[in-house]
Amino acid sequence: MMSLLSVAVILYQLFFVLAQYLARKAGPGAALCVLVLSLIWTATHVFFPPLAILQTAMILGSFFVFRSKARRTGK
């Protein structure tokens, strides 16, 4: 379980959050595209189930957080 808290894993998860943030700034179509591509990447490249669950949660969570923030600000 400690391997899920390593610096490398945290930075890797932040990469997906940053990608989703930048895609949301580009528009809702880009955000959806990045969401789908990120989930496909996770499904095909992450074979350790706890890490795959963590990464999927980060991807989906950042998608919905940035989506709701964009709706509140009217973008």
N, C-alpha and C. Protein backbone atom coordinates (compact mmCIF):
# COMPACT_ATOMS: atom_id res chain seq x y z
N MET A 1 0.82 -1.20 0.00
CA MET A 1 0.00 0.00 0.00
C MET A 1 0.86 1.26 0.00
N MET A 2 2.05 1.17 0.54
CA MET A 2 2.91 2.35 0.57
C MET A 2 3.36 2.76 -0.83
N SER A 3 3.36 1.82 -1.78
CA SER A 3 3.78 2.18 -3.13
C SER A 3 2.81 3.16 -3.78
N LEU A 4 1.57 3.22 -3.29
CA LEU A 4 0.61 4.17 -3.82
C LEU A 4 0.89 5.60 -3.37
N LEU A 5 1.74 5.75 -2.37
CA LEU A 5 2.02 7.07 -1.84
C LEU A 5 3.41 7.58 -2.19
N SER A 6 4.07 6.95 -3.14
CA SER A 6 5.40 7.40 -3.51
C SER A 6 5.31 8.71 -4.31
N VAL A 7 6.40 9.43 -4.33
CA VAL A 7 6.45 10.71 -5.03
C VAL A 7 6.19 10.53 -6.52
N ALA A 8 6.74 9.48 -7.09
CA ALA A 8 6.56 9.24 -8.52
C ALA A 8 5.09 9.00 -8.86
N VAL A 9 4.40 8.25 -8.04
CA VAL A 9 2.98 7.96 -8.28
C VAL A 9 2.16 9.23 -8.13
N ILE A 10 2.45 10.03 -7.13
CA ILE A 10 1.71 11.27 -6.92
C ILE A 10 1.93 12.23 -8.09
N LEU A 11 3.15 12.36 -8.56
CA LEU A 11 3.43 13.22 -9.71
C LEU A 11 2.75 12.71 -10.97
N TYR A 12 2.69 11.39 -11.13
CA TYR A 12 2.02 10.81 -12.29
C TYR A 12 0.53 11.11 -12.25
N GLN A 13 -0.07 11.07 -11.07
CA GLN A 13 -1.49 11.40 -10.94
C GLN A 13 -1.73 12.88 -11.20
N LEU A 14 -0.82 13.71 -10.77
CA LEU A 14 -0.95 15.15 -11.00
C LEU A 14 -0.84 15.48 -12.49
N PHE A 15 -0.11 14.66 -13.24
CA PHE A 15 -0.05 14.84 -14.69
C PHE A 15 -1.44 14.73 -15.30
N PHE A 16 -2.24 13.75 -14.86
CA PHE A 16 -3.58 13.57 -15.40
C PHE A 16 -4.50 14.71 -14.97
N VAL A 17 -4.32 15.20 -13.77
CA VAL A 17 -5.11 16.35 -13.32
C VAL A 17 -4.76 17.58 -14.15
N LEU A 18 -3.49 17.80 -14.39
CA LEU A 18 -3.05 18.93 -15.21
C LEU A 18 -3.56 18.81 -16.64
N ALA A 19 -3.50 17.61 -17.19
CA ALA A 19 -4.00 17.40 -18.55
C ALA A 19 -5.49 17.72 -18.63
N GLN A 20 -6.24 17.30 -17.62
CA GLN A 20 -7.68 17.56 -17.61
C GLN A 20 -7.95 19.06 -17.43
N TYR A 21 -7.16 19.71 -16.61
CA TYR A 21 -7.33 21.16 -16.39
C TYR A 21 -7.08 21.93 -17.69
N LEU A 22 -5.99 21.60 -18.37
CA LEU A 22 -5.67 22.29 -19.63
C LEU A 22 -6.71 21.99 -20.71
N ALA A 23 -7.19 20.76 -20.74
CA ALA A 23 -8.21 20.41 -21.73
C ALA A 23 -9.51 21.15 -21.44
N ARG A 24 -9.85 21.31 -20.17
CA ARG A 24 -11.08 22.03 -19.81
C ARG A 24 -10.96 23.49 -20.23
N LYS A 25 -9.77 24.06 -20.14
CA LYS A 25 -9.56 25.44 -20.59
C LYS A 25 -9.75 25.55 -22.11
N ALA A 26 -9.42 24.49 -22.83
CA ALA A 26 -9.56 24.49 -24.28
C ALA A 26 -11.01 24.34 -24.71
N GLY A 27 -11.81 23.69 -23.89
CA GLY A 27 -13.23 23.53 -24.23
C GLY A 27 -13.77 22.19 -23.78
N PRO A 28 -15.09 22.05 -23.77
CA PRO A 28 -15.70 20.81 -23.28
C PRO A 28 -15.40 19.60 -24.17
N GLY A 29 -15.26 19.82 -25.47
CA GLY A 29 -14.92 18.71 -26.36
C GLY A 29 -13.53 18.16 -26.10
N ALA A 30 -12.60 19.06 -25.86
CA ALA A 30 -11.24 18.65 -25.55
C ALA A 30 -11.19 17.92 -24.22
N ALA A 31 -11.97 18.39 -23.25
CA ALA A 31 -11.99 17.75 -21.94
C ALA A 31 -12.53 16.33 -22.04
N LEU A 32 -13.56 16.15 -22.83
CA LEU A 32 -14.13 14.81 -23.00
C LEU A 32 -13.14 13.89 -23.72
N CYS A 33 -12.46 14.42 -24.70
CA CYS A 33 -11.45 13.65 -25.43
C CYS A 33 -10.31 13.22 -24.51
N VAL A 34 -9.83 14.13 -23.69
CA VAL A 34 -8.76 13.81 -22.75
C VAL A 34 -9.25 12.80 -21.72
N LEU A 35 -10.49 12.91 -21.28
CA LEU A 35 -11.06 11.96 -20.34
C LEU A 35 -11.03 10.55 -20.93
N VAL A 36 -11.54 10.41 -22.13
CA VAL A 36 -11.60 9.09 -22.77
C VAL A 36 -10.20 8.53 -23.01
N LEU A 37 -9.31 9.36 -23.53
CA LEU A 37 -7.94 8.89 -23.79
C LEU A 37 -7.21 8.51 -22.50
N SER A 38 -7.43 9.27 -21.43
CA SER A 38 -6.80 8.95 -20.15
C SER A 38 -7.32 7.64 -19.58
N LEU A 39 -8.62 7.41 -19.70
CA LEU A 39 -9.18 6.15 -19.20
C LEU A 39 -8.71 4.96 -20.03
N ILE A 40 -8.59 5.15 -21.33
CA ILE A 40 -8.06 4.07 -22.18
C ILE A 40 -6.61 3.78 -21.82
N TRP A 41 -5.82 4.84 -21.62
CA TRP A 41 -4.42 4.67 -21.22
C TRP A 41 -4.33 3.89 -19.91
N THR A 42 -5.15 4.24 -18.95
CA THR A 42 -5.14 3.56 -17.67
C THR A 42 -5.51 2.09 -17.83
N ALA A 43 -6.53 1.80 -18.62
CA ALA A 43 -6.99 0.42 -18.80
C ALA A 43 -5.95 -0.44 -19.51
N THR A 44 -5.16 0.16 -20.38
CA THR A 44 -4.21 -0.63 -21.15
C THR A 44 -2.79 -0.64 -20.59
N HIS A 45 -2.47 0.26 -19.65
CA HIS A 45 -1.09 0.36 -19.19
C HIS A 45 -0.89 0.16 -17.68
N VAL A 46 -1.95 0.18 -16.90
CA VAL A 46 -1.80 0.03 -15.46
C VAL A 46 -2.39 -1.31 -15.06
N PHE A 47 -1.55 -2.21 -14.59
CA PHE A 47 -1.99 -3.57 -14.30
C PHE A 47 -2.06 -3.88 -12.81
N PHE A 48 -1.71 -2.95 -11.95
CA PHE A 48 -1.81 -3.12 -10.50
C PHE A 48 -3.16 -2.55 -10.08
N PRO A 49 -4.12 -3.40 -9.68
CA PRO A 49 -5.50 -2.93 -9.45
C PRO A 49 -5.65 -1.73 -8.51
N PRO A 50 -4.97 -1.67 -7.35
CA PRO A 50 -5.15 -0.47 -6.52
C PRO A 50 -4.68 0.81 -7.21
N LEU A 51 -3.61 0.71 -7.97
CA LEU A 51 -3.12 1.88 -8.69
C LEU A 51 -4.07 2.27 -9.82
N ALA A 52 -4.64 1.28 -10.49
CA ALA A 52 -5.60 1.56 -11.55
C ALA A 52 -6.85 2.23 -10.99
N ILE A 53 -7.30 1.79 -9.83
CA ILE A 53 -8.46 2.41 -9.18
C ILE A 53 -8.14 3.84 -8.77
N LEU A 54 -6.96 4.05 -8.19
CA LEU A 54 -6.55 5.40 -7.80
C LEU A 54 -6.49 6.32 -9.01
N GLN A 55 -5.87 5.85 -10.08
CA GLN A 55 -5.72 6.68 -11.27
C GLN A 55 -7.07 6.98 -11.91
N THR A 56 -7.95 5.99 -11.98
CA THR A 56 -9.28 6.21 -12.54
C THR A 56 -10.06 7.22 -11.71
N ALA A 57 -9.94 7.12 -10.39
CA ALA A 57 -10.63 8.07 -9.51
C ALA A 57 -10.08 9.48 -9.70
N MET A 58 -8.78 9.62 -9.87
CA MET A 58 -8.19 10.94 -10.10
C MET A 58 -8.66 11.53 -11.42
N ILE A 59 -8.72 10.71 -12.45
CA ILE A 59 -9.13 11.18 -13.77
C ILE A 59 -10.59 11.62 -13.74
N LEU A 60 -11.46 10.75 -13.24
CA LEU A 60 -12.88 11.08 -13.18
C LEU A 60 -13.16 12.23 -12.23
N GLY A 61 -12.48 12.23 -11.10
CA GLY A 61 -12.67 13.31 -10.13
C GLY A 61 -12.28 14.66 -10.68
N SER A 62 -11.13 14.72 -11.34
CA SER A 62 -10.71 16.01 -11.90
C SER A 62 -11.63 16.44 -13.04
N PHE A 63 -12.12 15.49 -13.82
CA PHE A 63 -13.06 15.83 -14.89
C PHE A 63 -14.31 16.49 -14.32
N PHE A 64 -14.90 15.88 -13.29
CA PHE A 64 -16.14 16.42 -12.73
C PHE A 64 -15.91 17.69 -11.92
N VAL A 65 -14.79 17.80 -11.23
CA VAL A 65 -14.50 19.03 -10.48
C VAL A 65 -14.31 20.21 -11.43
N PHE A 66 -13.52 20.02 -12.48
CA PHE A 66 -13.30 21.12 -13.42
C PHE A 66 -14.55 21.41 -14.23
N ARG A 67 -15.39 20.40 -14.48
CA ARG A 67 -16.64 20.64 -15.21
C ARG A 67 -17.59 21.49 -14.38
N SER A 68 -17.72 21.14 -13.10
CA SER A 68 -18.63 21.91 -12.24
C SER A 68 -18.12 23.33 -12.02
N LYS A 69 -16.79 23.48 -11.94
CA LYS A 69 -16.22 24.82 -11.78
C LYS A 69 -16.48 25.66 -13.03
N ALA A 70 -16.37 25.05 -14.20
CA ALA A 70 -16.63 25.78 -15.45
C ALA A 70 -18.09 26.18 -15.54
N ARG A 71 -18.98 25.34 -15.06
CA ARG A 71 -20.41 25.68 -15.09
C ARG A 71 -20.74 26.83 -14.14
N ARG A 72 -20.07 26.86 -12.99
CA ARG A 72 -20.33 27.94 -12.02
C ARG A 72 -19.85 29.28 -12.55
N THR A 73 -18.73 29.26 -13.27
CA THR A 73 -18.19 30.52 -13.78
C THR A 73 -18.78 30.91 -15.12
N GLY A 74 -19.57 30.03 -15.71
CA GLY A 74 -20.23 30.34 -16.97
C GLY A 74 -19.39 30.13 -18.20
N LYS A 75 -18.33 29.33 -18.11
CA LYS A 75 -17.46 29.09 -19.27
C LYS A 75 -17.87 27.83 -19.98
